[in-house]
Amino acid sequence: MGNSTGLILPKPVLQELGVETGTMMDIVVDNGRVVATPIMGDRHQGWADAARRIGRQDLSEDAIAWQGFPNEDDDGLTW
């Protein structure tokens, strides 16, 4: 995707990790080495808590203004 490059792993390596094609992986560089760790469980885990924390942060004047913008339909908008 974009300017990224894929990494192909042999099936025995995937089996040893207990993953299959399409498993989400956390990839980090550690001292010149690429370390890939399978992400097990719900990949959206923690998103709701993060959204609540963000919602409690002080909002800028622009952010507050956008919250009041009616976006249910565009009946009143002129294109």
PDB file of N, CA and C in Angstrom:
ATOM      1  N   MET A   1       0.849  -1.170   0.000  1.00  0.00           N
ATOM      2  CA  MET A   1       0.000   0.000   0.000  1.00  0.00           C
ATOM      3  C   MET A   1       0.890   1.226   0.000  1.00  0.00           C
ATOM      4  N   GLY A   2       0.550   2.174  -0.801  1.00  0.00           N
ATOM      5  CA  GLY A   2       1.357   3.395  -0.858  1.00  0.00           C
ATOM      6  C   GLY A   2       2.766   3.076  -1.289  1.00  0.00           C
ATOM      7  N   ASN A   3       3.729   3.554  -0.559  1.00  0.00           N
ATOM      8  CA  ASN A   3       5.128   3.281  -0.886  1.00  0.00           C
ATOM      9  C   ASN A   3       5.700   2.193   0.013  1.00  0.00           C
ATOM     10  N   SER A   4       4.820   1.332   0.557  1.00  0.00           N
ATOM     11  CA  SER A   4       5.252   0.250   1.438  1.00  0.00           C
ATOM     12  C   SER A   4       5.680  -0.965   0.625  1.00  0.00           C
ATOM     13  N   THR A   5       6.332  -1.884   1.284  1.00  0.00           N
ATOM     14  CA  THR A   5       6.766  -3.133   0.680  1.00  0.00           C
ATOM     15  C   THR A   5       6.277  -4.285   1.542  1.00  0.00           C
ATOM     16  N   GLY A   6       5.831  -5.356   0.915  1.00  0.00           N
ATOM     17  CA  GLY A   6       5.366  -6.519   1.654  1.00  0.00           C
ATOM     18  C   GLY A   6       6.521  -7.432   2.035  1.00  0.00           C
ATOM     19  N   LEU A   7       6.263  -8.282   3.000  1.00  0.00           N
ATOM     20  CA  LEU A   7       7.242  -9.259   3.463  1.00  0.00           C
ATOM     21  C   LEU A   7       6.600 -10.631   3.353  1.00  0.00           C
ATOM     22  N   ILE A   8       7.252 -11.534   2.653  1.00  0.00           N
ATOM     23  CA  ILE A   8       6.735 -12.890   2.482  1.00  0.00           C
ATOM     24  C   ILE A   8       7.432 -13.802   3.474  1.00  0.00           C
ATOM     25  N   LEU A   9       6.614 -14.517   4.256  1.00  0.00           N
ATOM     26  CA  LEU A   9       7.155 -15.464   5.226  1.00  0.00           C
ATOM     27  C   LEU A   9       6.782 -16.876   4.803  1.00  0.00           C
ATOM     28  N   PRO A  10       7.731 -17.811   4.899  1.00  0.00           N
ATOM     29  CA  PRO A  10       7.421 -19.207   4.548  1.00  0.00           C
ATOM     30  C   PRO A  10       6.353 -19.784   5.480  1.00  0.00           C
ATOM     31  N   LYS A  11       5.555 -20.700   4.959  1.00  0.00           N
ATOM     32  CA  LYS A  11       4.472 -21.303   5.727  1.00  0.00           C
ATOM     33  C   LYS A  11       4.950 -21.895   7.056  1.00  0.00           C
ATOM     34  N   PRO A  12       6.098 -22.595   7.119  1.00  0.00           N
ATOM     35  CA  PRO A  12       6.549 -23.130   8.408  1.00  0.00           C
ATOM     36  C   PRO A  12       6.788 -22.038   9.464  1.00  0.00           C
ATOM     37  N   VAL A  13       7.237 -20.854   9.031  1.00  0.00           N
ATOM     38  CA  VAL A  13       7.447 -19.751   9.976  1.00  0.00           C
ATOM     39  C   VAL A  13       6.097 -19.271  10.503  1.00  0.00           C
ATOM     40  N   LEU A  14       5.116 -19.132   9.593  1.00  0.00           N
ATOM     41  CA  LEU A  14       3.775 -18.726  10.014  1.00  0.00           C
ATOM     42  C   LEU A  14       3.182 -19.730  11.001  1.00  0.00           C
ATOM     43  N   GLN A  15       3.378 -21.021  10.709  1.00  0.00           N
ATOM     44  CA  GLN A  15       2.860 -22.062  11.595  1.00  0.00           C
ATOM     45  C   GLN A  15       3.528 -21.991  12.966  1.00  0.00           C
ATOM     46  N   GLU A  16       4.821 -21.751  12.993  1.00  0.00           N
ATOM     47  CA  GLU A  16       5.537 -21.656  14.270  1.00  0.00           C
ATOM     48  C   GLU A  16       5.024 -20.476  15.092  1.00  0.00           C
ATOM     49  N   LEU A  17       4.657 -19.401  14.404  1.00  0.00           N
ATOM     50  CA  LEU A  17       4.114 -18.235  15.096  1.00  0.00           C
ATOM     51  C   LEU A  17       2.649 -18.434  15.491  1.00  0.00           C
ATOM     52  N   GLY A  18       2.007 -19.421  14.887  1.00  0.00           N
ATOM     53  CA  GLY A  18       0.594 -19.658  15.162  1.00  0.00           C
ATOM     54  C   GLY A  18      -0.306 -18.670  14.453  1.00  0.00           C
ATOM     55  N   VAL A  19       0.124 -18.194  13.284  1.00  0.00           N
ATOM     56  CA  VAL A  19      -0.666 -17.219  12.526  1.00  0.00           C
ATOM     57  C   VAL A  19      -0.926 -17.751  11.129  1.00  0.00           C
ATOM     58  N   GLU A  20      -1.784 -17.033  10.418  1.00  0.00           N
ATOM     59  CA  GLU A  20      -2.077 -17.399   9.033  1.00  0.00           C
ATOM     60  C   GLU A  20      -2.045 -16.144   8.189  1.00  0.00           C
ATOM     61  N   THR A  21      -2.158 -16.306   6.897  1.00  0.00           N
ATOM     62  CA  THR A  21      -2.163 -15.173   5.978  1.00  0.00           C
ATOM     63  C   THR A  21      -3.243 -14.192   6.398  1.00  0.00           C
ATOM     64  N   GLY A  22      -2.902 -12.919   6.462  1.00  0.00           N
ATOM     65  CA  GLY A  22      -3.849 -11.878   6.820  1.00  0.00           C
ATOM     66  C   GLY A  22      -3.828 -11.483   8.282  1.00  0.00           C
ATOM     67  N   THR A  23      -3.071 -12.213   9.111  1.00  0.00           N
ATOM     68  CA  THR A  23      -2.979 -11.854  10.529  1.00  0.00           C
ATOM     69  C   THR A  23      -2.310 -10.496  10.674  1.00  0.00           C
ATOM     70  N   MET A  24      -2.886  -9.624  11.508  1.00  0.00           N
ATOM     71  CA  MET A  24      -2.290  -8.316  11.769  1.00  0.00           C
ATOM     72  C   MET A  24      -1.003  -8.529  12.574  1.00  0.00           C
ATOM     73  N   MET A  25       0.024  -7.754  12.213  1.00  0.00           N
ATOM     74  CA  MET A  25       1.323  -7.867  12.887  1.00  0.00           C
ATOM     75  C   MET A  25       1.776  -6.495  13.365  1.00  0.00           C
ATOM     76  N   ASP A  26       2.393  -6.470  14.537  1.00  0.00           N
ATOM     77  CA  ASP A  26       3.043  -5.266  15.036  1.00  0.00           C
ATOM     78  C   ASP A  26       4.494  -5.359  14.582  1.00  0.00           C
ATOM     79  N   ILE A  27       4.970  -4.361  13.829  1.00  0.00           N
ATOM     80  CA  ILE A  27       6.320  -4.392  13.268  1.00  0.00           C
ATOM     81  C   ILE A  27       7.127  -3.245  13.868  1.00  0.00           C
ATOM     82  N   VAL A  28       8.280  -3.577  14.447  1.00  0.00           N
ATOM     83  CA  VAL A  28       9.173  -2.555  15.000  1.00  0.00           C
ATOM     84  C   VAL A  28      10.599  -2.849  14.553  1.00  0.00           C
ATOM     85  N   VAL A  29      11.409  -1.816  14.558  1.00  0.00           N
ATOM     86  CA  VAL A  29      12.834  -1.980  14.289  1.00  0.00           C
ATOM     87  C   VAL A  29      13.544  -1.900  15.629  1.00  0.00           C
ATOM     88  N   ASP A  30      14.331  -2.909  15.943  1.00  0.00           N
ATOM     89  CA  ASP A  30      15.025  -2.982  17.220  1.00  0.00           C
ATOM     90  C   ASP A  30      16.500  -3.249  16.967  1.00  0.00           C
ATOM     91  N   ASN A  31      17.308  -2.214  17.125  1.00  0.00           N
ATOM     92  CA  ASN A  31      18.749  -2.362  16.985  1.00  0.00           C
ATOM     93  C   ASN A  31      19.125  -2.958  15.621  1.00  0.00           C
ATOM     94  N   GLY A  32      18.512  -2.426  14.562  1.00  0.00           N
ATOM     95  CA  GLY A  32      18.827  -2.874  13.212  1.00  0.00           C
ATOM     96  C   GLY A  32      18.126  -4.150  12.784  1.00  0.00           C
ATOM     97  N   ARG A  33      17.222  -4.661  13.606  1.00  0.00           N
ATOM     98  CA  ARG A  33      16.482  -5.880  13.277  1.00  0.00           C
ATOM     99  C   ARG A  33      14.997  -5.553  13.160  1.00  0.00           C
ATOM    100  N   VAL A  34      14.321  -6.238  12.266  1.00  0.00           N
ATOM    101  CA  VAL A  34      12.876  -6.097  12.136  1.00  0.00           C
ATOM    102  C   VAL A  34      12.241  -7.169  13.013  1.00  0.00           C
ATOM    103  N   VAL A  35      11.372  -6.745  13.927  1.00  0.00           N
ATOM    104  CA  VAL A  35      10.697  -7.675  14.830  1.00  0.00           C
ATOM    105  C   VAL A  35       9.203  -7.597  14.538  1.00  0.00           C
ATOM    106  N   ALA A  36       8.624  -8.715  14.139  1.00  0.00           N
ATOM    107  CA  ALA A  36       7.200  -8.793  13.830  1.00  0.00           C
ATOM    108  C   ALA A  36       6.516  -9.672  14.866  1.00  0.00           C
ATOM    109  N   THR A  37       5.505  -9.112  15.522  1.00  0.00           N
ATOM    110  CA  THR A  37       4.778  -9.827  16.564  1.00  0.00           C
ATOM    111  C   THR A  37       3.304  -9.880  16.178  1.00  0.00           C
ATOM    112  N   PRO A  38       2.708 -11.081  16.188  1.00  0.00           N
ATOM    113  CA  PRO A  38       1.288 -11.176  15.837  1.00  0.00           C
ATOM    114  C   PRO A  38       0.432 -10.405  16.829  1.00  0.00           C
ATOM    115  N   ILE A  39      -0.584  -9.737  16.300  1.00  0.00           N
ATOM    116  CA  ILE A  39      -1.561  -9.057  17.142  1.00  0.00           C
ATOM    117  C   ILE A  39      -2.746  -9.998  17.254  1.00  0.00           C
ATOM    118  N   MET A  40      -2.925 -10.570  18.420  1.00  0.00           N
ATOM    119  CA  MET A  40      -4.010 -11.525  18.637  1.00  0.00           C
ATOM    120  C   MET A  40      -5.194 -10.804  19.263  1.00  0.00           C
ATOM    121  N   GLY A  41      -6.376 -11.283  19.021  1.00  0.00           N
ATOM    122  CA  GLY A  41      -7.570 -10.689  19.602  1.00  0.00           C
ATOM    123  C   GLY A  41      -8.163  -9.626  18.696  1.00  0.00           C
ATOM    124  N   ASP A  42      -9.045  -8.843  19.266  1.00  0.00           N
ATOM    125  CA  ASP A  42      -9.757  -7.812  18.522  1.00  0.00           C
ATOM    126  C   ASP A  42      -8.823  -6.660  18.203  1.00  0.00           C
ATOM    127  N   ARG A  43      -8.644  -6.355  16.922  1.00  0.00           N
ATOM    128  CA  ARG A  43      -7.728  -5.287  16.542  1.00  0.00           C
ATOM    129  C   ARG A  43      -8.270  -3.916  16.905  1.00  0.00           C
ATOM    130  N   HIS A  44      -9.553  -3.836  17.253  1.00  0.00           N
ATOM    131  CA  HIS A  44     -10.156  -2.570  17.666  1.00  0.00           C
ATOM    132  C   HIS A  44     -10.208  -2.435  19.184  1.00  0.00           C
ATOM    133  N   GLN A  45      -9.629  -3.414  19.887  1.00  0.00           N
ATOM    134  CA  GLN A  45      -9.653  -3.395  21.342  1.00  0.00           C
ATOM    135  C   GLN A  45      -9.018  -2.101  21.854  1.00  0.00           C
ATOM    136  N   GLY A  46      -9.690  -1.443  22.755  1.00  0.00           N
ATOM    137  CA  GLY A  46      -9.167  -0.220  23.339  1.00  0.00           C
ATOM    138  C   GLY A  46      -9.573   1.052  22.615  1.00  0.00           C
ATOM    139  N   TRP A  47     -10.160   0.929  21.425  1.00  0.00           N
ATOM    140  CA  TRP A  47     -10.537   2.119  20.658  1.00  0.00           C
ATOM    141  C   TRP A  47     -11.594   2.935  21.391  1.00  0.00           C
ATOM    142  N   ALA A  48     -12.580   2.278  22.007  1.00  0.00           N
ATOM    143  CA  ALA A  48     -13.654   3.008  22.687  1.00  0.00           C
ATOM    144  C   ALA A  48     -13.084   3.826  23.843  1.00  0.00           C
ATOM    145  N   ASP A  49     -12.189   3.226  24.621  1.00  0.00           N
ATOM    146  CA  ASP A  49     -11.566   3.960  25.731  1.00  0.00           C
ATOM    147  C   ASP A  49     -10.747   5.135  25.218  1.00  0.00           C
ATOM    148  N   ALA A  50     -10.024   4.932  24.136  1.00  0.00           N
ATOM    149  CA  ALA A  50      -9.222   6.013  23.553  1.00  0.00           C
ATOM    150  C   ALA A  50     -10.118   7.149  23.075  1.00  0.00           C
ATOM    151  N   ALA A  51     -11.247   6.812  22.463  1.00  0.00           N
ATOM    152  CA  ALA A  51     -12.175   7.837  21.992  1.00  0.00           C
ATOM    153  C   ALA A  51     -12.741   8.633  23.161  1.00  0.00           C
ATOM    154  N   ARG A  52     -13.045   7.948  24.269  1.00  0.00           N
ATOM    155  CA  ARG A  52     -13.542   8.651  25.458  1.00  0.00           C
ATOM    156  C   ARG A  52     -12.482   9.604  26.017  1.00  0.00           C
ATOM    157  N   ARG A  53     -11.234   9.157  26.047  1.00  0.00           N
ATOM    158  CA  ARG A  53     -10.145  10.024  26.544  1.00  0.00           C
ATOM    159  C   ARG A  53      -9.992  11.245  25.651  1.00  0.00           C
ATOM    160  N   ILE A  54     -10.042  11.040  24.351  1.00  0.00           N
ATOM    161  CA  ILE A  54      -9.921  12.159  23.412  1.00  0.00           C
ATOM    162  C   ILE A  54     -11.094  13.120  23.597  1.00  0.00           C
ATOM    163  N   GLY A  55     -12.283  12.568  23.796  1.00  0.00           N
ATOM    164  CA  GLY A  55     -13.475  13.392  23.975  1.00  0.00           C
ATOM    165  C   GLY A  55     -13.427  14.255  25.219  1.00  0.00           C
ATOM    166  N   ARG A  56     -12.670  13.837  26.221  1.00  0.00           N
ATOM    167  CA  ARG A  56     -12.557  14.611  27.461  1.00  0.00           C
ATOM    168  C   ARG A  56     -11.501  15.704  27.377  1.00  0.00           C
ATOM    169  N   GLN A  57     -10.698  15.696  26.335  1.00  0.00           N
ATOM    170  CA  GLN A  57      -9.652  16.703  26.198  1.00  0.00           C
ATOM    171  C   GLN A  57     -10.266  18.058  25.889  1.00  0.00           C
ATOM    172  N   ASP A  58      -9.536  19.102  26.272  1.00  0.00           N
ATOM    173  CA  ASP A  58      -9.984  20.450  25.945  1.00  0.00           C
ATOM    174  C   ASP A  58     -10.009  20.602  24.431  1.00  0.00           C
ATOM    175  N   LEU A  59     -11.110  21.138  23.935  1.00  0.00           N
ATOM    176  CA  LEU A  59     -11.263  21.303  22.497  1.00  0.00           C
ATOM    177  C   LEU A  59     -10.957  22.736  22.092  1.00  0.00           C
ATOM    178  N   SER A  60     -10.415  22.878  20.899  1.00  0.00           N
ATOM    179  CA  SER A  60     -10.169  24.209  20.353  1.00  0.00           C
ATOM    180  C   SER A  60     -11.503  24.833  19.960  1.00  0.00           C
ATOM    181  N   GLU A  61     -11.501  26.122  19.722  1.00  0.00           N
ATOM    182  CA  GLU A  61     -12.714  26.814  19.299  1.00  0.00           C
ATOM    183  C   GLU A  61     -13.252  26.227  17.993  1.00  0.00           C
ATOM    184  N   ASP A  62     -12.353  25.897  17.060  1.00  0.00           N
ATOM    185  CA  ASP A  62     -12.781  25.296  15.786  1.00  0.00           C
ATOM    186  C   ASP A  62     -13.427  23.931  15.991  1.00  0.00           C
ATOM    187  N   ALA A  63     -12.849  23.112  16.876  1.00  0.00           N
ATOM    188  CA  ALA A  63     -13.400  21.781  17.121  1.00  0.00           C
ATOM    189  C   ALA A  63     -14.789  21.879  17.723  1.00  0.00           C
ATOM    190  N   ILE A  64     -14.987  22.826  18.628  1.00  0.00           N
ATOM    191  CA  ILE A  64     -16.302  23.015  19.233  1.00  0.00           C
ATOM    192  C   ILE A  64     -17.303  23.451  18.161  1.00  0.00           C
ATOM    193  N   ALA A  65     -16.899  24.346  17.266  1.00  0.00           N
ATOM    194  CA  ALA A  65     -17.781  24.810  16.194  1.00  0.00           C
ATOM    195  C   ALA A  65     -18.192  23.657  15.290  1.00  0.00           C
ATOM    196  N   TRP A  66     -17.264  22.755  14.955  1.00  0.00           N
ATOM    197  CA  TRP A  66     -17.592  21.630  14.072  1.00  0.00           C
ATOM    198  C   TRP A  66     -18.564  20.665  14.727  1.00  0.00           C
ATOM    199  N   GLN A  67     -18.541  20.547  16.055  1.00  0.00           N
ATOM    200  CA  GLN A  67     -19.471  19.639  16.725  1.00  0.00           C
ATOM    201  C   GLN A  67     -20.917  20.069  16.511  1.00  0.00           C
ATOM    202  N   GLY A  68     -21.145  21.365  16.330  1.00  0.00           N
ATOM    203  CA  GLY A  68     -22.495  21.853  16.134  1.00  0.00           C
ATOM    204  C   GLY A  68     -22.947  21.864  14.688  1.00  0.00           C
ATOM    205  N   PHE A  69     -22.093  21.438  13.765  1.00  0.00           N
ATOM    206  CA  PHE A  69     -22.428  21.462  12.342  1.00  0.00           C
ATOM    207  C   PHE A  69     -23.398  20.328  12.023  1.00  0.00           C
ATOM    208  N   PRO A  70     -24.573  20.647  11.461  1.00  0.00           N
ATOM    209  CA  PRO A  70     -25.551  19.586  11.159  1.00  0.00           C
ATOM    210  C   PRO A  70     -25.123  18.784   9.933  1.00  0.00           C
ATOM    211  N   ASN A  71     -24.766  17.547  10.120  1.00  0.00           N
ATOM    212  CA  ASN A  71     -24.294  16.740   8.993  1.00  0.00           C
ATOM    213  C   ASN A  71     -25.189  15.545   8.709  1.00  0.00           C
ATOM    214  N   GLU A  72     -26.411  15.544   9.231  1.00  0.00           N
ATOM    215  CA  GLU A  72     -27.307  14.420   8.980  1.00  0.00           C
ATOM    216  C   GLU A  72     -27.724  14.369   7.516  1.00  0.00           C
ATOM    217  N   ASP A  73     -27.964  15.543   6.930  1.00  0.00           N
ATOM    218  CA  ASP A  73     -28.317  15.578   5.521  1.00  0.00           C
ATOM    219  C   ASP A  73     -27.823  16.922   4.956  1.00  0.00           C
ATOM    220  N   ASP A  74     -27.916  17.067   3.675  1.00  0.00           N
ATOM    221  CA  ASP A  74     -27.394  18.291   3.059  1.00  0.00           C
ATOM    222  C   ASP A  74     -28.514  19.140   2.453  1.00  0.00           C
ATOM    223  N   ASP A  75     -29.730  19.034   2.991  1.00  0.00           N
ATOM    224  CA  ASP A  75     -30.871  19.770   2.439  1.00  0.00           C
ATOM    225  C   ASP A  75     -30.646  21.279   2.432  1.00  0.00           C
ATOM    226  N   GLY A  76     -29.981  21.799   3.454  1.00  0.00           N
ATOM    227  CA  GLY A  76     -29.820  23.240   3.549  1.00  0.00           C
ATOM    228  C   GLY A  76     -28.541  23.752   2.929  1.00  0.00           C
ATOM    229  N   LEU A  77     -27.759  22.901   2.311  1.00  0.00           N
ATOM    230  CA  LEU A  77     -26.463  23.329   1.752  1.00  0.00           C
ATOM    231  C   LEU A  77     -26.608  23.679   0.276  1.00  0.00           C
ATOM    232  N   THR A  78     -25.843  24.646  -0.147  1.00  0.00           N
ATOM    233  CA  THR A  78     -25.811  25.033  -1.568  1.00  0.00           C
ATOM    234  C   THR A  78     -24.483  24.583  -2.155  1.00  0.00           C
ATOM    235  N   TRP A  79     -24.526  23.848  -3.228  1.00  0.00           N
ATOM    236  CA  TRP A  79     -23.292  23.334  -3.849  1.00  0.00           C
ATOM    237  C   TRP A  79     -22.908  24.164  -5.016  1.00  0.00           C
TER     238      TRP A  79
END
